[in-house]
Every structure is written in C-alpha cells, then in structure tokens.
Protein backbone atom coordinates (compact mmCIF):
# COMPACT_ATOMS: atom_id res chain seq x y z
CA MET A 1 0.00 0.00 0.00
CA PRO A 2 1.52 3.38 -0.99
CA THR A 3 2.63 5.32 2.07
CA PHE A 4 3.02 9.10 2.33
CA VAL A 5 4.80 10.79 5.23
CA THR A 6 5.11 14.30 6.59
CA TRP A 7 7.69 15.20 9.24
CA ASN A 8 9.17 18.44 10.57
CA MET A 9 12.73 17.26 11.20
CA GLN A 10 13.88 20.58 12.77
CA ALA A 11 17.31 20.33 11.21
CA ALA A 12 18.07 23.95 12.09
CA ALA A 13 17.79 23.27 15.82
CA ALA A 14 21.01 23.75 17.74
CA THR A 15 21.50 20.10 18.68
CA GLY A 16 24.33 17.71 19.28
CA GLY A 17 25.31 14.39 17.75
CA ALA A 18 22.74 12.35 19.66
CA ASP A 19 19.81 14.24 18.15
CA ARG A 20 21.41 14.04 14.71
CA ALA A 21 21.63 10.28 15.11
CA LEU A 22 17.98 10.11 16.15
CA ARG A 23 16.98 12.11 13.07
CA ALA A 24 18.98 9.79 10.83
CA ALA A 25 17.34 6.78 12.47
CA ALA A 26 13.90 8.30 11.91
CA LEU A 27 14.67 8.86 8.23
CA ALA A 28 15.86 5.26 7.96
CA ARG A 29 12.49 4.11 9.36
CA LEU A 30 10.74 6.21 6.72
CA ALA A 31 12.88 5.03 3.80
CA ASP A 32 10.31 2.51 2.57
CA ALA A 33 7.62 5.17 2.18
CA HIS A 34 6.73 6.07 -1.36
CA VAL A 35 6.68 9.82 -0.68
CA VAL A 36 8.31 11.67 2.24
CA CYS A 37 7.63 15.37 2.85
CA LEU A 38 10.09 17.03 5.21
CA GLN A 39 9.91 20.49 6.75
CA GLU A 40 12.65 22.56 8.45
CA VAL A 41 15.35 21.07 6.28
CA ALA A 42 18.31 23.37 6.83
CA SER A 43 21.91 24.20 6.09
CA GLY A 44 24.37 26.88 7.17
CA PHE A 45 22.99 27.73 10.62
CA PRO A 46 25.24 27.61 13.72
CA ALA A 47 25.04 24.71 16.16
CA GLN A 48 25.60 24.98 19.91
CA ASP A 49 29.35 24.65 19.47
CA GLY A 50 29.38 27.49 16.95
CA LYS A 51 30.16 25.27 13.98
CA PRO A 52 27.80 25.04 11.00
CA ILE A 53 25.18 22.35 11.36
CA GLU A 54 25.00 19.45 8.98
CA ASP A 55 23.68 20.27 5.50
CA ALA A 56 20.34 18.50 5.92
CA PHE A 57 19.48 18.81 2.23
CA ALA A 58 22.55 16.71 1.37
CA ALA A 59 21.98 14.39 4.33
CA VAL A 60 18.43 13.60 3.25
CA ALA A 61 19.59 12.83 -0.28
CA ALA A 62 22.24 10.47 1.09
CA LEU A 63 19.84 8.72 3.49
CA LEU A 64 17.08 8.26 0.88
CA PRO A 65 19.06 7.30 -2.24
CA GLU A 66 16.13 5.45 -3.85
CA HIS A 67 13.97 8.58 -3.88
CA ARG A 68 13.87 11.48 -6.31
CA LEU A 69 14.22 14.77 -4.44
CA ALA A 70 12.69 18.22 -4.95
CA ALA A 71 13.61 21.07 -2.60
CA PHE A 72 12.46 24.61 -1.83
CA ALA A 73 14.06 26.99 0.67
CA PRO A 74 11.83 30.07 1.19
CA LEU A 75 14.47 31.31 3.64
CA ASP A 76 17.69 31.65 1.64
CA ARG A 77 20.14 34.27 2.89
CA SER A 78 23.72 35.09 3.74
CA GLY A 79 24.57 34.53 7.41
CA PRO A 80 26.70 36.88 9.55
CA ASP A 81 29.90 35.19 8.39
CA GLY A 82 28.81 34.98 4.76
CA THR A 83 27.70 31.35 4.98
CA ARG A 84 24.61 30.64 2.93
CA GLN A 85 21.73 29.82 5.28
CA ARG A 86 18.73 27.90 3.92
CA LEU A 87 15.58 26.62 5.57
CA GLY A 88 12.78 24.91 3.72
CA THR A 89 11.09 21.73 2.64
CA VAL A 90 11.98 18.63 0.62
CA ILE A 91 9.74 16.10 -1.10
CA CYS A 92 11.29 12.68 -1.64
CA SER A 93 9.44 10.42 -4.08
CA ARG A 94 9.81 6.88 -5.34
CA TYR A 95 7.45 7.85 -8.16
CA PRO A 96 8.67 9.85 -11.18
CA VAL A 97 8.48 13.60 -10.59
CA LEU A 98 6.99 15.21 -13.70
CA GLN A 99 6.87 18.81 -12.52
CA VAL A 100 8.08 20.88 -9.57
CA LEU A 101 6.47 24.17 -8.57
CA ARG A 102 7.75 26.38 -5.75
CA HIS A 103 5.16 28.73 -4.27
CA SER A 104 5.90 31.61 -1.94
CA LEU A 105 3.05 32.00 0.55
CA PRO A 106 1.75 35.39 1.73
CA TRP A 107 3.93 37.20 4.27
CA PRO A 108 1.95 40.31 5.25
CA LEU A 109 3.48 42.70 7.72
CA ASP A 110 2.96 41.81 11.38
CA ALA A 111 5.45 44.11 13.05
CA ASP A 112 4.84 42.75 16.56
CA GLN A 113 5.79 39.16 15.74
CA PRO A 114 8.99 37.43 14.60
CA SER A 115 8.43 35.52 11.38
CA LEU A 116 10.00 33.81 8.38
CA PRO A 117 9.18 33.70 4.67
CA ARG A 118 7.04 30.61 4.12
CA GLY A 119 6.27 28.49 1.10
CA ALA A 120 4.70 25.38 -0.36
CA LEU A 121 6.56 22.92 -2.55
CA GLU A 122 4.39 21.19 -5.16
CA VAL A 123 5.24 18.16 -7.27
CA THR A 124 3.22 16.32 -9.88
CA LEU A 125 3.90 12.60 -9.63
CA ASP A 126 3.41 9.82 -12.15
CA ALA A 127 1.75 7.56 -9.58
CA PRO A 128 -0.12 4.26 -10.04
CA GLY A 129 -3.50 4.98 -11.55
CA GLY A 130 -2.67 8.48 -12.77
CA LEU A 131 -1.19 11.85 -11.95
CA LEU A 132 -1.05 12.93 -8.32
CA ARG A 133 -0.26 16.36 -6.89
CA VAL A 134 1.64 16.46 -3.58
CA LEU A 135 2.39 19.64 -1.63
CA SER A 136 4.59 20.11 1.42
CA ALA A 137 3.93 23.27 3.43
CA HIS A 138 5.11 24.91 6.64
CA LEU A 139 3.04 27.82 7.92
CA GLU A 140 4.00 30.66 10.27
CA TYR A 141 4.25 29.85 13.97
CA PHE A 142 4.14 33.22 15.75
CA SER A 143 1.83 35.36 13.63
CA LEU A 144 -1.83 34.36 13.41
CA ALA A 145 -2.40 37.05 10.77
CA GLN A 146 0.33 35.62 8.56
CA ARG A 147 -0.77 32.03 9.12
CA THR A 148 -4.33 32.96 8.21
CA ALA A 149 -3.13 34.65 5.02
CA GLN A 150 -1.07 31.57 4.18
CA VAL A 151 -4.14 29.35 4.57
CA GLU A 152 -5.84 31.56 2.00
CA GLY A 153 -2.78 31.14 -0.20
CA LEU A 154 -3.07 27.35 0.00
CA ARG A 155 -6.77 27.55 -0.86
CA ALA A 156 -5.91 29.70 -3.87
CA LEU A 157 -3.36 27.10 -5.00
CA GLN A 158 -5.98 24.35 -4.73
CA ARG A 159 -8.41 26.37 -6.83
CA GLU A 160 -5.71 27.26 -9.37
CA ALA A 161 -4.42 23.71 -9.75
CA VAL A 162 -7.87 22.21 -10.24
CA ALA A 163 -8.63 24.84 -12.90
CA HIS A 164 -5.40 23.94 -14.72
CA ALA A 165 -6.23 20.24 -14.50
CA ARG A 166 -9.74 20.77 -15.88
CA HIS A 167 -8.69 23.17 -18.65
CA PRO A 168 -5.09 22.37 -19.64
CA HIS A 169 -3.49 24.85 -22.01
CA PRO A 170 -2.61 23.49 -25.47
CA GLY A 171 1.08 24.32 -25.25
CA LEU A 172 3.43 24.68 -28.19
CA PRO A 173 5.20 21.90 -30.10
CA GLY A 174 8.93 21.33 -30.14
CA GLY A 175 9.75 20.49 -26.54
CA GLY A 176 10.45 24.08 -25.46
CA PRO A 177 9.39 25.78 -22.23
CA PHE A 178 5.82 26.29 -23.48
CA THR A 179 5.28 22.56 -23.99
CA ALA A 180 2.11 21.55 -22.15
CA GLN A 181 2.64 19.83 -18.80
CA PRO A 182 -0.48 18.53 -17.04
CA ARG A 183 -1.21 19.49 -13.45
CA ALA A 184 -3.09 16.90 -11.40
CA ALA A 185 -6.43 17.54 -9.71
CA PRO A 186 -6.15 14.80 -7.01
CA ALA A 187 -3.96 16.24 -4.28
CA LEU A 188 -2.30 15.63 -0.94
CA LEU A 189 -1.35 18.63 1.20
CA LEU A 190 1.07 17.61 3.95
CA GLY A 191 3.10 19.52 6.49
CA ASP A 192 3.46 21.46 9.71
CA PHE A 193 0.62 23.99 9.79
CA ASN A 194 1.24 25.39 13.29
CA MET A 195 -2.48 25.31 14.04
CA LEU A 196 -4.60 23.23 16.37
CA PRO A 197 -7.47 20.99 15.28
CA GLY A 198 -10.68 23.01 15.24
CA SER A 199 -8.91 26.39 15.21
CA PRO A 200 -10.34 29.09 12.92
CA GLU A 201 -7.51 28.72 10.41
CA TYR A 202 -7.90 24.91 10.43
CA LEU A 203 -11.62 25.23 9.72
CA ARG A 204 -10.96 27.80 7.00
CA LEU A 205 -8.54 25.49 5.20
CA LEU A 206 -11.24 22.80 5.11
CA ALA A 207 -14.07 25.13 4.09
CA PRO A 208 -15.95 24.31 0.86
CA PHE A 209 -15.21 26.30 -2.29
CA ASP A 210 -17.96 28.24 -4.03
CA ASP A 211 -16.88 27.32 -7.58
CA GLY A 212 -16.96 23.53 -7.55
CA THR A 213 -13.31 23.07 -6.59
CA PRO A 214 -12.98 19.86 -4.55
CA ARG A 215 -12.53 20.81 -0.92
CA LEU A 216 -9.65 19.63 1.25
CA LEU A 217 -10.35 17.08 3.98
CA ASP A 218 -8.37 16.11 7.06
CA ALA A 219 -7.17 12.54 6.49
CA TRP A 220 -7.18 11.83 10.24
CA ALA A 221 -10.82 12.87 10.57
CA CYS A 222 -11.73 10.84 7.49
CA THR A 223 -10.31 7.62 8.90
CA ARG A 224 -10.64 8.16 12.67
CA ALA A 225 -13.69 10.38 13.00
CA ALA A 226 -14.44 9.20 16.54
CA GLN A 227 -10.89 9.77 17.83
CA PRO A 228 -9.15 13.05 18.68
CA HIS A 229 -6.04 13.82 16.66
CA ALA A 230 -2.99 12.01 17.96
CA PRO A 231 -0.41 14.57 19.13
CA THR A 232 2.50 15.19 16.80
CA VAL A 233 4.49 17.68 18.92
CA GLY A 234 6.02 17.35 22.37
CA LEU A 235 5.82 13.59 22.93
CA HIS A 236 9.44 13.43 24.11
CA ASP A 237 9.88 16.92 25.57
CA ALA A 238 11.70 16.53 28.88
CA ALA A 239 11.69 20.24 29.73
CA PRO A 240 10.41 20.89 33.28
CA ASN A 241 7.67 23.27 32.15
CA ALA A 242 6.70 21.41 28.99
CA GLY A 243 2.96 21.28 28.52
CA PRO A 244 0.98 18.33 27.19
CA PRO A 245 1.65 17.14 23.61
CA PHE A 246 -0.47 18.64 20.85
CA THR A 247 -1.13 18.44 17.10
CA PHE A 248 0.40 20.74 14.49
CA ASP A 249 1.16 18.26 11.68
CA TYR A 250 -1.54 17.14 9.23
CA ALA A 251 -2.27 15.28 6.02
CA PHE A 252 -5.06 16.85 3.98
CA VAL A 253 -6.53 15.18 0.88
CA SER A 254 -8.70 16.54 -1.90
CA ALA A 255 -12.23 15.18 -1.66
CA GLU A 256 -11.88 12.75 -4.57
CA LEU A 257 -9.07 10.93 -2.73
CA ALA A 258 -10.91 10.51 0.58
CA PRO A 259 -12.47 7.12 -0.37
CA ARG A 260 -8.98 5.80 -1.04
CA LEU A 261 -7.66 6.49 2.45
CA ARG A 262 -6.78 3.35 4.34
CA ARG A 263 -4.79 4.35 7.42
CA VAL A 264 -3.34 7.41 9.17
CA HIS A 265 -1.04 7.07 12.17
CA VAL A 266 1.76 8.82 14.06
CA ASP A 267 5.25 7.38 14.53
CA ALA A 268 5.64 7.91 18.28
CA LEU A 269 9.33 6.92 18.58
CA ASP A 270 11.89 9.55 19.55
CA THR A 271 13.07 11.35 16.42
CA GLY A 272 15.44 13.98 17.81
CA SER A 273 12.86 16.57 16.72
CA ALA A 274 9.97 17.97 18.73
CA HIS A 275 7.73 16.66 15.92
CA GLN A 276 6.68 13.11 15.08
CA PRO A 277 6.21 11.75 11.55
CA LEU A 278 2.62 11.40 10.39
CA LEU A 279 2.03 8.50 8.00
CA LEU A 280 -0.79 8.09 5.51
CA GLU A 281 -1.67 4.97 3.51
CA LEU A 282 -3.59 5.55 0.31
CA ASP A 283 -4.97 3.02 -2.17
CA LEU A 284 -4.14 4.65 -5.50
CA GLY A 285 -5.72 1.84 -7.50
CA GLN A 286 -5.64 2.18 -11.25
CA ASP A 287 -7.81 5.21 -11.86
CA THR A 288 -6.70 8.04 -9.54
C-alpha cells in the first residue's frame, strides 16, 4: 500500500550528535515510504558549538538514495559570516516527478511578531492509476495574521491547480518551455501547519469552495472520526515546564481521494525533533 509521510525534522535546531543520530534513524524508518515530505530542512545555521550544522538537504539525499528529491528553501540568505543559510522543505518520491512548482506564501506585515518567509513545494507525480499532486507546506508559527493569510494562499493554490487540470493549455510543439505539462487535480497537502485541530484557520482550510473546486479534507478525521487527533508535537519533551503534547502536523486530501484512504497514524518513537512523523496509507488503485 503506498505510504506518504510528513515530518518536521527541525534540522536547524542547535542540537548535538545524539539528536542528529535520532533524526537519521527516523529517516531510515521512513525510507520505505513512497513519498516523504520534510519540513525545516536546513543548512548553514550555527550549532551549539558554533560550527555550522549538517547540510540536511545533502543528508536527506544520502539517506534516501532510492527517492527522487525536490527542494524549496523560502528562507535563503547570507549569514553573519557569509555562509549561505537555507531553511525549507523537501519532497522525496519513489514515483517519477513530472513537474516541480515552488510557491511563496503570503507574508503580510505583522510588526509585533517574529516571522519567516514561508512556502509550499508542489510536485506532480506519475503515480499508479494516474497523476497525483503532492504539496509540502510549513506555515507561520508566531503570527496568526500571517498564518491565516497563508491558509488563503493554499486555498488559492488548490483552486488554481484544479482549474489547470480541468482546462489544460494546449502548449506549443517542439519540446520548449511552453510545452504543455499537465497538473493533477487529485492532491495531498502535507506539512506542519502550526495550528490546532478546530482552530479558525484549520476550519478555513477545510471550508468548501464556491466554484466547484474539490474541498480539502483532514485525512485523520476521514479515517478516525471518533478519535481526537494524535499529538504530533512534544511527545518526548523533557523540559520541566513542557505542557501536554499537541497536534500541528496534518495530512489533507482533496475530496476525490478521501475514499482511497486506508490508514493514518503517528510514529511515536523519539526522532530527535519535537515533531513526530505522520504517515498516511492511500490506495491509489488504477484510476486516480
């Protein structure tokens, strides 16, 4: 059964070798998944000892050699010492990647809150049964205003992609940049959304569209309607004042994929990150 994973690996955290080993072990556990979406993949930031942290983009490629990788770093800057600092998302796929789109999400001014540029990485996969669109997103943590705007950005992307899928442009012959490339309607939206189940921004993301665009559905609610979301953050937090674990990480599916959902569960083993991987099993069949 095809498995899809989302995990915020927090590679920019100032951690030592033990946490790095736990992250590598978590990636090894996920290596059999058909598609792995990772957030907070980083390079160039200082660790606790002042040395640059591991280049997580390269590390992921080395640890998942059977996957095709697409990457997007919305935060891409020169650090104080001139080192290039990048923070973003990676999608690792065992299926052929036909197209990669990198979307910057809204970043409206919220002068009272620290924030980062945020984005969504989109790939079109040649999956069993047909084309499949997979997005990996990481929304703003501190600013509710920015996070809300980014939810609207994701809704706009869903509407845009479905319109492209329903009315593909004819393209031009010859194999040049205007050659037509289809964009799939069936979609998975995975990531760290920094919002709680039932919050206003969560409900807005799932709201119906007024133009016939298939709505997004929470895969957990589709398969475990009677159960609260399993926590994905804070399961292994040993800090004295740590609160109870909670849910920030989700798998959303477009409505036409909901009947194909088979299982959603959280990997509760220690990962070296504050986040746990969320795994989704989807029966793609032969006519996605």
